[in-house]
Amino acid sequence: MRCISTAPPPPQLTDRFFAAAALANEVHGGHRRPGTQIPYAAHLMIVAGLVLEDGGDETQAIAALLHDAAEDGGGRPMLDRIRSEFGDEVAAIVEGCSDNLDPDDQRSWRERKADCLTDLADVTDRATLRVALADKVHNARSIVRDCRSEGNKLWDRLTDKTVDDQLWYYRALLEFFDTRQPGPLVEDLRHALRELEELVTDDVSPGR
């Protein structure tokens, strides 16, 4: 007798998703991941994939594709465009995942992240938390990959933040998400942070 799966079908990706991908490309098409030749769109697609793997629906995946569009591509006017084209829920998730919508913000990286952590504590929407966590997981993995290949040279080119800043931030994120959004993505973040801590320790070991 053939086993019949009782799992729900995967979310169908409609033209809305591909329209969001087109907008993401419009905003970020000429961008690269900092210090690399990797198209920024790779990050957006991976975050959307992580959201879908974690059980997110199409709306959440669309928000994942656009999660940096307002912060990096036009502030409130871009957020208004996202709301008009993709709806209130997508816009709310994007806003919740944005550190800042003010193009003239003069805060340091650490100041922005400290404020972001404070704002994150007030988020109750699980969709926003899922997209935000997926974003942090891929960012942490990217830092680990770069740290493996570059060692301490990585911190020389990240002029707006130090290794201590990064460790402080990801430890705080793990503590937050471990309580608020437990699951496989949190374990991915935990693993990435552990490896980053080990790489940093190796780099500063005596004799290095």
N, C-alpha and C. Protein backbone atom coordinates (compact mmCIF):
# COMPACT_ATOMS: atom_id res chain seq x y z
N MET A 1 0.86 -1.20 0.00
CA MET A 1 0.00 0.00 0.00
C MET A 1 0.89 1.24 0.00
N ARG A 2 0.59 2.16 -0.88
CA ARG A 2 1.38 3.38 -0.97
C ARG A 2 1.02 4.32 0.17
N CYS A 3 2.07 4.86 0.82
CA CYS A 3 1.85 5.82 1.90
C CYS A 3 1.39 7.15 1.31
N ILE A 4 0.40 7.72 1.92
CA ILE A 4 -0.11 9.01 1.48
C ILE A 4 0.31 10.07 2.49
N SER A 5 1.00 11.07 2.02
CA SER A 5 1.49 12.12 2.90
C SER A 5 0.33 12.93 3.45
N THR A 6 0.39 13.22 4.74
CA THR A 6 -0.62 14.06 5.37
C THR A 6 -0.11 15.50 5.57
N ALA A 7 1.12 15.75 5.10
CA ALA A 7 1.68 17.10 5.25
C ALA A 7 0.92 18.07 4.36
N PRO A 8 0.76 19.31 4.81
CA PRO A 8 0.08 20.30 3.96
C PRO A 8 0.90 20.58 2.72
N PRO A 9 0.25 20.93 1.61
CA PRO A 9 1.00 21.24 0.40
C PRO A 9 1.85 22.49 0.59
N PRO A 10 2.96 22.59 -0.13
CA PRO A 10 3.78 23.80 0.00
C PRO A 10 3.02 25.00 -0.53
N PRO A 11 3.36 26.19 -0.04
CA PRO A 11 2.66 27.39 -0.53
C PRO A 11 2.93 27.61 -2.00
N GLN A 12 1.88 27.94 -2.73
CA GLN A 12 2.04 28.22 -4.15
C GLN A 12 2.61 29.61 -4.34
N LEU A 13 3.63 29.69 -5.18
CA LEU A 13 4.22 30.99 -5.49
C LEU A 13 3.57 31.51 -6.76
N THR A 14 2.90 32.64 -6.63
CA THR A 14 2.13 33.20 -7.73
C THR A 14 2.90 34.35 -8.38
N ASP A 15 2.22 35.04 -9.27
CA ASP A 15 2.84 36.19 -9.94
C ASP A 15 3.22 37.28 -8.95
N ARG A 16 2.55 37.34 -7.78
CA ARG A 16 2.93 38.33 -6.76
C ARG A 16 4.38 38.13 -6.33
N PHE A 17 4.77 36.89 -6.12
CA PHE A 17 6.13 36.60 -5.68
C PHE A 17 7.14 37.06 -6.73
N PHE A 18 6.86 36.77 -7.97
CA PHE A 18 7.81 37.12 -9.03
C PHE A 18 7.81 38.62 -9.31
N ALA A 19 6.67 39.29 -9.05
CA ALA A 19 6.65 40.75 -9.13
C ALA A 19 7.52 41.35 -8.02
N ALA A 20 7.48 40.73 -6.85
CA ALA A 20 8.33 41.20 -5.74
C ALA A 20 9.80 40.99 -6.08
N ALA A 21 10.11 39.86 -6.71
CA ALA A 21 11.49 39.61 -7.12
C ALA A 21 11.95 40.67 -8.12
N ALA A 22 11.05 41.08 -9.01
CA ALA A 22 11.39 42.12 -9.99
C ALA A 22 11.64 43.45 -9.29
N LEU A 23 10.82 43.79 -8.29
CA LEU A 23 11.04 45.03 -7.55
C LEU A 23 12.35 44.96 -6.77
N ALA A 24 12.62 43.83 -6.15
CA ALA A 24 13.89 43.67 -5.43
C ALA A 24 15.07 43.88 -6.37
N ASN A 25 14.96 43.36 -7.58
CA ASN A 25 16.03 43.55 -8.56
C ASN A 25 16.13 45.01 -8.99
N GLU A 26 14.98 45.68 -9.09
CA GLU A 26 14.99 47.11 -9.44
C GLU A 26 15.75 47.91 -8.38
N VAL A 27 15.53 47.57 -7.11
CA VAL A 27 16.15 48.31 -6.01
C VAL A 27 17.61 47.93 -5.82
N HIS A 28 17.90 46.63 -5.89
CA HIS A 28 19.21 46.12 -5.48
C HIS A 28 20.04 45.56 -6.63
N GLY A 29 19.54 45.65 -7.86
CA GLY A 29 20.19 44.97 -8.97
C GLY A 29 21.65 45.34 -9.18
N GLY A 30 22.02 46.57 -8.84
CA GLY A 30 23.41 46.98 -9.01
C GLY A 30 24.25 46.84 -7.76
N HIS A 31 23.69 46.26 -6.69
CA HIS A 31 24.39 46.18 -5.42
C HIS A 31 25.12 44.85 -5.27
N ARG A 32 26.15 44.85 -4.46
CA ARG A 32 26.89 43.63 -4.09
C ARG A 32 26.87 43.51 -2.57
N ARG A 33 27.04 42.29 -2.09
CA ARG A 33 27.24 42.12 -0.66
C ARG A 33 28.51 42.86 -0.26
N PRO A 34 28.52 43.55 0.88
CA PRO A 34 29.67 44.38 1.25
C PRO A 34 31.00 43.63 1.19
N GLY A 35 31.95 44.21 0.46
CA GLY A 35 33.28 43.64 0.37
C GLY A 35 33.41 42.44 -0.53
N THR A 36 32.36 42.12 -1.31
CA THR A 36 32.39 40.94 -2.18
C THR A 36 31.85 41.31 -3.56
N GLN A 37 31.91 40.33 -4.47
CA GLN A 37 31.29 40.47 -5.78
C GLN A 37 29.98 39.69 -5.86
N ILE A 38 29.48 39.26 -4.74
CA ILE A 38 28.23 38.48 -4.70
C ILE A 38 27.05 39.43 -4.89
N PRO A 39 26.19 39.20 -5.89
CA PRO A 39 25.02 40.08 -6.06
C PRO A 39 24.17 40.11 -4.80
N TYR A 40 23.72 41.29 -4.43
CA TYR A 40 22.90 41.41 -3.22
C TYR A 40 21.62 40.59 -3.32
N ALA A 41 21.16 40.39 -4.55
CA ALA A 41 19.93 39.61 -4.74
C ALA A 41 20.08 38.20 -4.20
N ALA A 42 21.31 37.67 -4.15
CA ALA A 42 21.51 36.33 -3.61
C ALA A 42 21.04 36.27 -2.16
N HIS A 43 21.38 37.30 -1.40
CA HIS A 43 20.94 37.36 0.01
C HIS A 43 19.42 37.35 0.09
N LEU A 44 18.76 38.13 -0.73
CA LEU A 44 17.31 38.23 -0.67
C LEU A 44 16.64 36.90 -1.02
N MET A 45 17.17 36.23 -2.04
CA MET A 45 16.60 34.95 -2.43
C MET A 45 16.82 33.88 -1.36
N ILE A 46 18.00 33.91 -0.73
CA ILE A 46 18.27 32.92 0.32
C ILE A 46 17.36 33.16 1.52
N VAL A 47 17.18 34.43 1.91
CA VAL A 47 16.29 34.72 3.04
C VAL A 47 14.87 34.27 2.72
N ALA A 48 14.41 34.52 1.50
CA ALA A 48 13.06 34.05 1.12
C ALA A 48 12.99 32.53 1.19
N GLY A 49 14.05 31.85 0.74
CA GLY A 49 14.07 30.39 0.82
C GLY A 49 14.03 29.89 2.25
N LEU A 50 14.77 30.53 3.14
CA LEU A 50 14.76 30.14 4.55
C LEU A 50 13.37 30.33 5.16
N VAL A 51 12.70 31.41 4.79
CA VAL A 51 11.35 31.66 5.28
C VAL A 51 10.41 30.55 4.83
N LEU A 52 10.48 30.17 3.56
CA LEU A 52 9.62 29.10 3.05
C LEU A 52 9.96 27.76 3.71
N GLU A 53 11.24 27.48 3.89
CA GLU A 53 11.65 26.23 4.56
C GLU A 53 11.12 26.17 5.99
N ASP A 54 10.99 27.34 6.61
CA ASP A 54 10.53 27.39 8.00
C ASP A 54 9.02 27.36 8.12
N GLY A 55 8.32 27.24 7.00
CA GLY A 55 6.87 27.16 7.04
C GLY A 55 6.16 28.45 6.71
N GLY A 56 6.91 29.45 6.27
CA GLY A 56 6.29 30.71 5.90
C GLY A 56 5.47 30.60 4.63
N ASP A 57 4.53 31.52 4.45
CA ASP A 57 3.69 31.51 3.26
C ASP A 57 4.23 32.48 2.22
N GLU A 58 3.51 32.62 1.12
CA GLU A 58 3.98 33.46 0.04
C GLU A 58 4.13 34.92 0.48
N THR A 59 3.19 35.40 1.28
CA THR A 59 3.28 36.79 1.74
C THR A 59 4.56 37.03 2.52
N GLN A 60 4.92 36.10 3.38
CA GLN A 60 6.15 36.22 4.15
C GLN A 60 7.38 36.13 3.25
N ALA A 61 7.32 35.26 2.25
CA ALA A 61 8.44 35.15 1.30
C ALA A 61 8.60 36.43 0.49
N ILE A 62 7.48 37.07 0.13
CA ILE A 62 7.55 38.35 -0.58
C ILE A 62 8.20 39.40 0.32
N ALA A 63 7.80 39.43 1.58
CA ALA A 63 8.41 40.37 2.52
C ALA A 63 9.90 40.10 2.66
N ALA A 64 10.29 38.84 2.62
CA ALA A 64 11.71 38.50 2.70
C ALA A 64 12.48 39.06 1.50
N LEU A 65 11.90 38.95 0.32
CA LEU A 65 12.55 39.51 -0.87
C LEU A 65 12.71 41.02 -0.77
N LEU A 66 11.79 41.67 -0.07
CA LEU A 66 11.76 43.14 -0.03
C LEU A 66 12.19 43.70 1.32
N HIS A 67 12.74 42.87 2.20
CA HIS A 67 12.95 43.32 3.57
C HIS A 67 13.95 44.46 3.68
N ASP A 68 14.83 44.63 2.70
CA ASP A 68 15.79 45.74 2.72
C ASP A 68 15.43 46.87 1.76
N ALA A 69 14.33 46.72 1.04
CA ALA A 69 14.03 47.67 -0.03
C ALA A 69 13.75 49.07 0.49
N ALA A 70 13.01 49.19 1.59
CA ALA A 70 12.72 50.52 2.13
C ALA A 70 13.94 51.10 2.83
N GLU A 71 14.64 50.26 3.59
CA GLU A 71 15.82 50.73 4.31
C GLU A 71 16.92 51.19 3.36
N ASP A 72 17.10 50.46 2.27
CA ASP A 72 18.21 50.75 1.35
C ASP A 72 17.77 51.43 0.06
N GLY A 73 16.47 51.54 -0.16
CA GLY A 73 16.04 51.99 -1.48
C GLY A 73 14.98 53.05 -1.53
N GLY A 74 14.90 53.91 -0.50
CA GLY A 74 13.95 54.99 -0.65
C GLY A 74 13.08 55.31 0.53
N GLY A 75 13.31 54.67 1.68
CA GLY A 75 12.61 55.03 2.90
C GLY A 75 11.10 54.89 2.81
N ARG A 76 10.40 55.86 3.39
CA ARG A 76 8.93 55.80 3.45
C ARG A 76 8.26 55.75 2.08
N PRO A 77 8.74 56.50 1.08
CA PRO A 77 8.11 56.38 -0.24
C PRO A 77 8.16 54.95 -0.78
N MET A 78 9.28 54.25 -0.58
CA MET A 78 9.36 52.86 -1.04
C MET A 78 8.42 51.97 -0.22
N LEU A 79 8.33 52.23 1.08
CA LEU A 79 7.41 51.45 1.90
C LEU A 79 5.97 51.65 1.44
N ASP A 80 5.63 52.88 1.07
CA ASP A 80 4.29 53.15 0.55
C ASP A 80 4.06 52.40 -0.76
N ARG A 81 5.09 52.34 -1.60
CA ARG A 81 4.95 51.60 -2.86
C ARG A 81 4.74 50.11 -2.59
N ILE A 82 5.49 49.58 -1.65
CA ILE A 82 5.34 48.16 -1.29
C ILE A 82 3.92 47.90 -0.79
N ARG A 83 3.40 48.80 0.03
CA ARG A 83 2.04 48.64 0.55
C ARG A 83 1.03 48.67 -0.60
N SER A 84 1.22 49.58 -1.54
CA SER A 84 0.30 49.71 -2.66
C SER A 84 0.32 48.48 -3.55
N GLU A 85 1.52 47.93 -3.80
CA GLU A 85 1.65 46.82 -4.75
C GLU A 85 1.48 45.45 -4.13
N PHE A 86 1.79 45.32 -2.80
CA PHE A 86 1.80 43.98 -2.21
C PHE A 86 0.98 43.86 -0.94
N GLY A 87 0.40 44.96 -0.48
CA GLY A 87 -0.53 44.88 0.64
C GLY A 87 0.05 45.30 1.98
N ASP A 88 -0.86 45.50 2.93
CA ASP A 88 -0.49 45.98 4.25
C ASP A 88 0.40 45.00 5.01
N GLU A 89 0.12 43.70 4.88
CA GLU A 89 0.89 42.73 5.67
C GLU A 89 2.35 42.72 5.24
N VAL A 90 2.59 42.73 3.95
CA VAL A 90 3.98 42.76 3.47
C VAL A 90 4.66 44.04 3.95
N ALA A 91 3.98 45.17 3.82
CA ALA A 91 4.57 46.44 4.24
C ALA A 91 4.88 46.44 5.73
N ALA A 92 4.00 45.87 6.54
CA ALA A 92 4.22 45.83 7.98
C ALA A 92 5.44 44.98 8.33
N ILE A 93 5.61 43.86 7.63
CA ILE A 93 6.78 43.01 7.88
C ILE A 93 8.05 43.73 7.48
N VAL A 94 8.03 44.36 6.31
CA VAL A 94 9.21 45.09 5.83
C VAL A 94 9.58 46.20 6.81
N GLU A 95 8.58 46.93 7.27
CA GLU A 95 8.87 48.01 8.23
C GLU A 95 9.44 47.43 9.53
N GLY A 96 8.89 46.32 9.97
CA GLY A 96 9.37 45.70 11.20
C GLY A 96 10.78 45.16 11.10
N CYS A 97 11.22 44.87 9.87
CA CYS A 97 12.57 44.34 9.65
C CYS A 97 13.58 45.44 9.32
N SER A 98 13.14 46.67 9.23
CA SER A 98 14.01 47.78 8.82
C SER A 98 14.63 48.45 10.05
N ASP A 99 15.96 48.57 10.04
CA ASP A 99 16.63 49.29 11.12
C ASP A 99 16.26 50.76 11.11
N ASN A 100 16.06 51.29 9.91
CA ASN A 100 15.94 52.73 9.78
C ASN A 100 15.32 53.08 8.43
N LEU A 101 14.45 54.09 8.42
CA LEU A 101 13.87 54.56 7.17
C LEU A 101 14.25 56.01 6.88
N ASP A 102 15.21 56.53 7.64
CA ASP A 102 15.67 57.90 7.47
C ASP A 102 17.00 57.91 6.74
N PRO A 103 17.05 58.40 5.50
CA PRO A 103 18.31 58.38 4.74
C PRO A 103 19.39 59.27 5.34
N ASP A 104 19.02 60.18 6.24
CA ASP A 104 19.99 61.09 6.84
C ASP A 104 20.39 60.68 8.26
N ASP A 105 20.06 59.46 8.64
CA ASP A 105 20.38 58.98 9.99
C ASP A 105 21.90 59.01 10.21
N GLN A 106 22.34 59.59 11.31
CA GLN A 106 23.76 59.73 11.60
C GLN A 106 24.23 58.80 12.72
N ARG A 107 23.41 57.92 13.19
CA ARG A 107 23.82 57.02 14.26
C ARG A 107 24.91 56.05 13.78
N SER A 108 25.74 55.62 14.72
CA SER A 108 26.74 54.60 14.40
C SER A 108 26.06 53.25 14.21
N TRP A 109 26.82 52.30 13.66
CA TRP A 109 26.28 50.95 13.47
C TRP A 109 25.78 50.38 14.78
N ARG A 110 26.59 50.50 15.84
CA ARG A 110 26.19 49.90 17.12
C ARG A 110 24.98 50.61 17.70
N GLU A 111 24.90 51.91 17.55
CA GLU A 111 23.73 52.63 18.04
C GLU A 111 22.47 52.18 17.30
N ARG A 112 22.58 52.01 15.98
CA ARG A 112 21.41 51.55 15.21
C ARG A 112 20.98 50.16 15.65
N LYS A 113 21.95 49.28 15.85
CA LYS A 113 21.61 47.91 16.22
C LYS A 113 21.05 47.83 17.64
N ALA A 114 21.56 48.68 18.53
CA ALA A 114 21.00 48.71 19.89
C ALA A 114 19.54 49.14 19.85
N ASP A 115 19.24 50.15 19.05
CA ASP A 115 17.85 50.60 18.91
C ASP A 115 17.00 49.53 18.23
N CYS A 116 17.60 48.84 17.27
CA CYS A 116 16.88 47.76 16.58
C CYS A 116 16.50 46.65 17.55
N LEU A 117 17.41 46.29 18.43
CA LEU A 117 17.13 45.25 19.43
C LEU A 117 16.01 45.69 20.36
N THR A 118 16.01 46.96 20.73
CA THR A 118 14.94 47.49 21.58
C THR A 118 13.60 47.42 20.86
N ASP A 119 13.59 47.82 19.59
CA ASP A 119 12.35 47.78 18.81
C ASP A 119 11.88 46.35 18.60
N LEU A 120 12.82 45.45 18.37
CA LEU A 120 12.48 44.05 18.11
C LEU A 120 11.74 43.43 19.30
N ALA A 121 12.12 43.86 20.50
CA ALA A 121 11.49 43.30 21.70
C ALA A 121 9.99 43.59 21.75
N ASP A 122 9.56 44.62 21.02
CA ASP A 122 8.14 44.99 21.02
C ASP A 122 7.35 44.30 19.90
N VAL A 123 8.03 43.56 19.03
CA VAL A 123 7.36 42.90 17.92
C VAL A 123 6.66 41.65 18.42
N THR A 124 5.38 41.54 18.12
CA THR A 124 4.61 40.35 18.52
C THR A 124 4.18 39.52 17.32
N ASP A 125 4.29 40.08 16.12
CA ASP A 125 3.86 39.39 14.91
C ASP A 125 4.86 38.31 14.54
N ARG A 126 4.42 37.07 14.51
CA ARG A 126 5.34 35.95 14.27
C ARG A 126 5.88 35.96 12.83
N ALA A 127 5.11 36.49 11.89
CA ALA A 127 5.59 36.57 10.52
C ALA A 127 6.80 37.50 10.44
N THR A 128 6.72 38.64 11.10
CA THR A 128 7.85 39.58 11.12
C THR A 128 9.05 38.94 11.79
N LEU A 129 8.82 38.25 12.89
CA LEU A 129 9.93 37.60 13.59
C LEU A 129 10.58 36.53 12.71
N ARG A 130 9.77 35.79 11.96
CA ARG A 130 10.33 34.75 11.08
C ARG A 130 11.24 35.36 10.01
N VAL A 131 10.76 36.42 9.35
CA VAL A 131 11.55 37.05 8.30
C VAL A 131 12.81 37.68 8.89
N ALA A 132 12.67 38.36 10.02
CA ALA A 132 13.84 38.98 10.66
C ALA A 132 14.87 37.92 11.05
N LEU A 133 14.42 36.81 11.59
CA LEU A 133 15.34 35.75 12.00
C LEU A 133 16.04 35.14 10.79
N ALA A 134 15.30 34.88 9.73
CA ALA A 134 15.91 34.33 8.51
C ALA A 134 17.00 35.27 7.98
N ASP A 135 16.73 36.56 8.02
CA ASP A 135 17.73 37.56 7.59
C ASP A 135 18.98 37.47 8.45
N LYS A 136 18.81 37.40 9.77
CA LYS A 136 19.97 37.35 10.67
C LYS A 136 20.75 36.06 10.50
N VAL A 137 20.06 34.96 10.26
CA VAL A 137 20.75 33.68 10.04
C VAL A 137 21.66 33.77 8.83
N HIS A 138 21.14 34.29 7.72
CA HIS A 138 21.99 34.35 6.54
C HIS A 138 23.12 35.36 6.70
N ASN A 139 22.86 36.48 7.36
CA ASN A 139 23.93 37.43 7.62
C ASN A 139 25.04 36.80 8.46
N ALA A 140 24.64 36.06 9.50
CA ALA A 140 25.64 35.42 10.36
C ALA A 140 26.43 34.37 9.58
N ARG A 141 25.75 33.60 8.76
CA ARG A 141 26.46 32.60 7.95
C ARG A 141 27.46 33.27 7.00
N SER A 142 27.06 34.39 6.43
CA SER A 142 27.95 35.10 5.50
C SER A 142 29.20 35.60 6.22
N ILE A 143 29.02 36.13 7.43
CA ILE A 143 30.18 36.59 8.21
C ILE A 143 31.10 35.43 8.52
N VAL A 144 30.53 34.30 8.89
CA VAL A 144 31.35 33.12 9.19
C VAL A 144 32.13 32.68 7.96
N ARG A 145 31.46 32.64 6.81
CA ARG A 145 32.14 32.23 5.58
C ARG A 145 33.30 33.17 5.27
N ASP A 146 33.06 34.48 5.39
CA ASP A 146 34.11 35.45 5.11
C ASP A 146 35.24 35.34 6.12
N CYS A 147 34.88 35.08 7.38
CA CYS A 147 35.90 34.96 8.42
C CYS A 147 36.76 33.72 8.19
N ARG A 148 36.17 32.65 7.69
CA ARG A 148 36.94 31.45 7.37
C ARG A 148 37.99 31.76 6.31
N SER A 149 37.60 32.50 5.30
CA SER A 149 38.50 32.73 4.16
C SER A 149 39.46 33.88 4.36
N GLU A 150 39.05 34.89 5.15
CA GLU A 150 39.86 36.10 5.28
C GLU A 150 40.55 36.25 6.63
N GLY A 151 40.06 35.58 7.65
CA GLY A 151 40.62 35.76 8.98
C GLY A 151 40.43 37.19 9.46
N ASN A 152 41.44 37.71 10.15
CA ASN A 152 41.34 39.06 10.73
C ASN A 152 41.22 40.16 9.68
N LYS A 153 41.59 39.87 8.44
CA LYS A 153 41.46 40.89 7.40
C LYS A 153 40.00 41.31 7.22
N LEU A 154 39.09 40.41 7.54
CA LEU A 154 37.67 40.73 7.43
C LEU A 154 37.33 41.96 8.27
N TRP A 155 37.85 42.03 9.48
CA TRP A 155 37.49 43.12 10.39
C TRP A 155 38.13 44.43 9.95
N ASP A 156 39.21 44.34 9.19
CA ASP A 156 39.84 45.56 8.68
C ASP A 156 38.96 46.26 7.65
N ARG A 157 38.23 45.49 6.85
CA ARG A 157 37.40 46.12 5.83
C ARG A 157 36.00 46.47 6.34
N LEU A 158 35.59 45.92 7.47
CA LEU A 158 34.30 46.30 8.06
C LEU A 158 34.55 47.49 8.99
N THR A 159 34.75 48.65 8.40
CA THR A 159 35.24 49.80 9.15
C THR A 159 34.21 50.37 10.12
N ASP A 160 32.92 50.07 9.91
CA ASP A 160 31.90 50.66 10.79
C ASP A 160 31.56 49.79 11.98
N LYS A 161 32.18 48.60 12.07
CA LYS A 161 31.88 47.70 13.19
C LYS A 161 33.08 46.80 13.45
N THR A 162 33.28 46.45 14.71
CA THR A 162 34.40 45.60 15.12
C THR A 162 33.90 44.17 15.35
N VAL A 163 34.84 43.28 15.57
CA VAL A 163 34.47 41.91 15.89
C VAL A 163 33.68 41.86 17.20
N ASP A 164 34.07 42.71 18.17
CA ASP A 164 33.33 42.74 19.43
C ASP A 164 31.90 43.23 19.22
N ASP A 165 31.71 44.19 18.31
CA ASP A 165 30.36 44.65 17.97
C ASP A 165 29.53 43.50 17.40
N GLN A 166 30.13 42.75 16.49
CA GLN A 166 29.41 41.64 15.86
C GLN A 166 29.03 40.57 16.87
N LEU A 167 29.97 40.21 17.73
CA LEU A 167 29.68 39.18 18.73
C LEU A 167 28.59 39.66 19.70
N TRP A 168 28.69 40.91 20.12
CA TRP A 168 27.64 41.47 21.00
C TRP A 168 26.28 41.38 20.33
N TYR A 169 26.21 41.76 19.07
CA TYR A 169 24.92 41.81 18.37
C TYR A 169 24.33 40.42 18.19
N TYR A 170 25.11 39.49 17.71
CA TYR A 170 24.55 38.17 17.43
C TYR A 170 24.26 37.39 18.71
N ARG A 171 24.99 37.64 19.76
CA ARG A 171 24.64 37.03 21.05
C ARG A 171 23.31 37.57 21.55
N ALA A 172 23.10 38.88 21.39
CA ALA A 172 21.83 39.47 21.81
C ALA A 172 20.68 38.95 20.96
N LEU A 173 20.91 38.82 19.66
CA LEU A 173 19.87 38.27 18.78
C LEU A 173 19.52 36.84 19.16
N LEU A 174 20.53 36.03 19.42
CA LEU A 174 20.27 34.63 19.79
C LEU A 174 19.47 34.56 21.08
N GLU A 175 19.84 35.37 22.06
CA GLU A 175 19.11 35.37 23.33
C GLU A 175 17.64 35.75 23.10
N PHE A 176 17.42 36.73 22.25
CA PHE A 176 16.04 37.17 21.98
C PHE A 176 15.25 36.08 21.24
N PHE A 177 15.78 35.62 20.11
CA PHE A 177 15.02 34.68 19.28
C PHE A 177 14.89 33.31 19.94
N ASP A 178 15.82 32.94 20.80
CA ASP A 178 15.73 31.67 21.50
C ASP A 178 14.48 31.60 22.34
N THR A 179 14.05 32.74 22.84
CA THR A 179 12.84 32.81 23.66
C THR A 179 11.59 33.04 22.82
N ARG A 180 11.71 33.90 21.82
CA ARG A 180 10.53 34.36 21.09
C ARG A 180 10.21 33.55 19.83
N GLN A 181 11.19 32.92 19.21
CA GLN A 181 10.95 32.23 17.93
C GLN A 181 11.76 30.93 17.89
N PRO A 182 11.60 30.07 18.89
CA PRO A 182 12.41 28.84 18.91
C PRO A 182 12.10 27.94 17.71
N GLY A 183 13.11 27.19 17.27
CA GLY A 183 12.92 26.30 16.13
C GLY A 183 14.20 26.14 15.36
N PRO A 184 14.13 25.52 14.18
CA PRO A 184 15.35 25.23 13.41
C PRO A 184 16.16 26.47 13.05
N LEU A 185 15.51 27.58 12.74
CA LEU A 185 16.27 28.77 12.36
C LEU A 185 17.09 29.29 13.53
N VAL A 186 16.55 29.20 14.74
CA VAL A 186 17.33 29.62 15.91
C VAL A 186 18.55 28.72 16.08
N GLU A 187 18.38 27.43 15.83
CA GLU A 187 19.52 26.53 15.95
C GLU A 187 20.57 26.84 14.89
N ASP A 188 20.12 27.25 13.70
CA ASP A 188 21.07 27.68 12.66
C ASP A 188 21.85 28.91 13.13
N LEU A 189 21.15 29.85 13.77
CA LEU A 189 21.83 31.05 14.28
C LEU A 189 22.81 30.67 15.39
N ARG A 190 22.40 29.77 16.26
CA ARG A 190 23.27 29.33 17.35
C ARG A 190 24.55 28.70 16.80
N HIS A 191 24.39 27.86 15.78
CA HIS A 191 25.54 27.18 15.18
C HIS A 191 26.48 28.20 14.53
N ALA A 192 25.93 29.17 13.81
CA ALA A 192 26.76 30.18 13.15
C ALA A 192 27.52 31.02 14.18
N LEU A 193 26.85 31.41 15.25
CA LEU A 193 27.50 32.20 16.28
C LEU A 193 28.62 31.39 16.95
N ARG A 194 28.35 30.13 17.23
CA ARG A 194 29.38 29.29 17.86
C ARG A 194 30.61 29.19 16.97
N GLU A 195 30.39 29.00 15.67
CA GLU A 195 31.54 28.91 14.77
C GLU A 195 32.28 30.24 14.68
N LEU A 196 31.55 31.34 14.67
CA LEU A 196 32.20 32.64 14.62
C LEU A 196 33.06 32.85 15.87
N GLU A 197 32.53 32.49 17.02
CA GLU A 197 33.29 32.62 18.26
C GLU A 197 34.56 31.78 18.22
N GLU A 198 34.46 30.58 17.67
CA GLU A 198 35.63 29.71 17.57
C GLU A 198 36.67 30.29 16.60
N LEU A 199 36.20 30.83 15.47
CA LEU A 199 37.13 31.41 14.50
C LEU A 199 37.84 32.63 15.07
N VAL A 200 37.10 33.45 15.79
CA VAL A 200 37.71 34.63 16.39
C VAL A 200 38.72 34.23 17.45
N THR A 201 38.40 33.23 18.26
CA THR A 201 39.33 32.75 19.27
C THR A 201 40.60 32.21 18.64
N ASP A 202 40.45 31.46 17.55
CA ASP A 202 41.61 30.91 16.86
C ASP A 202 42.52 32.02 16.34
N ASP A 203 41.90 33.09 15.82
CA ASP A 203 42.67 34.17 15.23
C ASP A 203 43.48 34.95 16.26
N VAL A 204 43.01 34.97 17.50
CA VAL A 204 43.72 35.75 18.52
C VAL A 204 44.51 34.85 19.47
N SER A 205 44.61 33.57 19.16
CA SER A 205 45.35 32.65 20.01
C SER A 205 46.84 33.01 20.00
N PRO A 206 47.57 32.75 21.12
CA PRO A 206 48.99 33.02 21.18
C PRO A 206 49.73 32.32 20.04
N GLY A 207 50.67 33.01 19.45
CA GLY A 207 51.45 32.41 18.38
C GLY A 207 50.87 32.63 17.02
N ARG A 208 49.66 33.22 16.96
CA ARG A 208 49.04 33.48 15.66
C ARG A 208 49.51 34.81 15.11
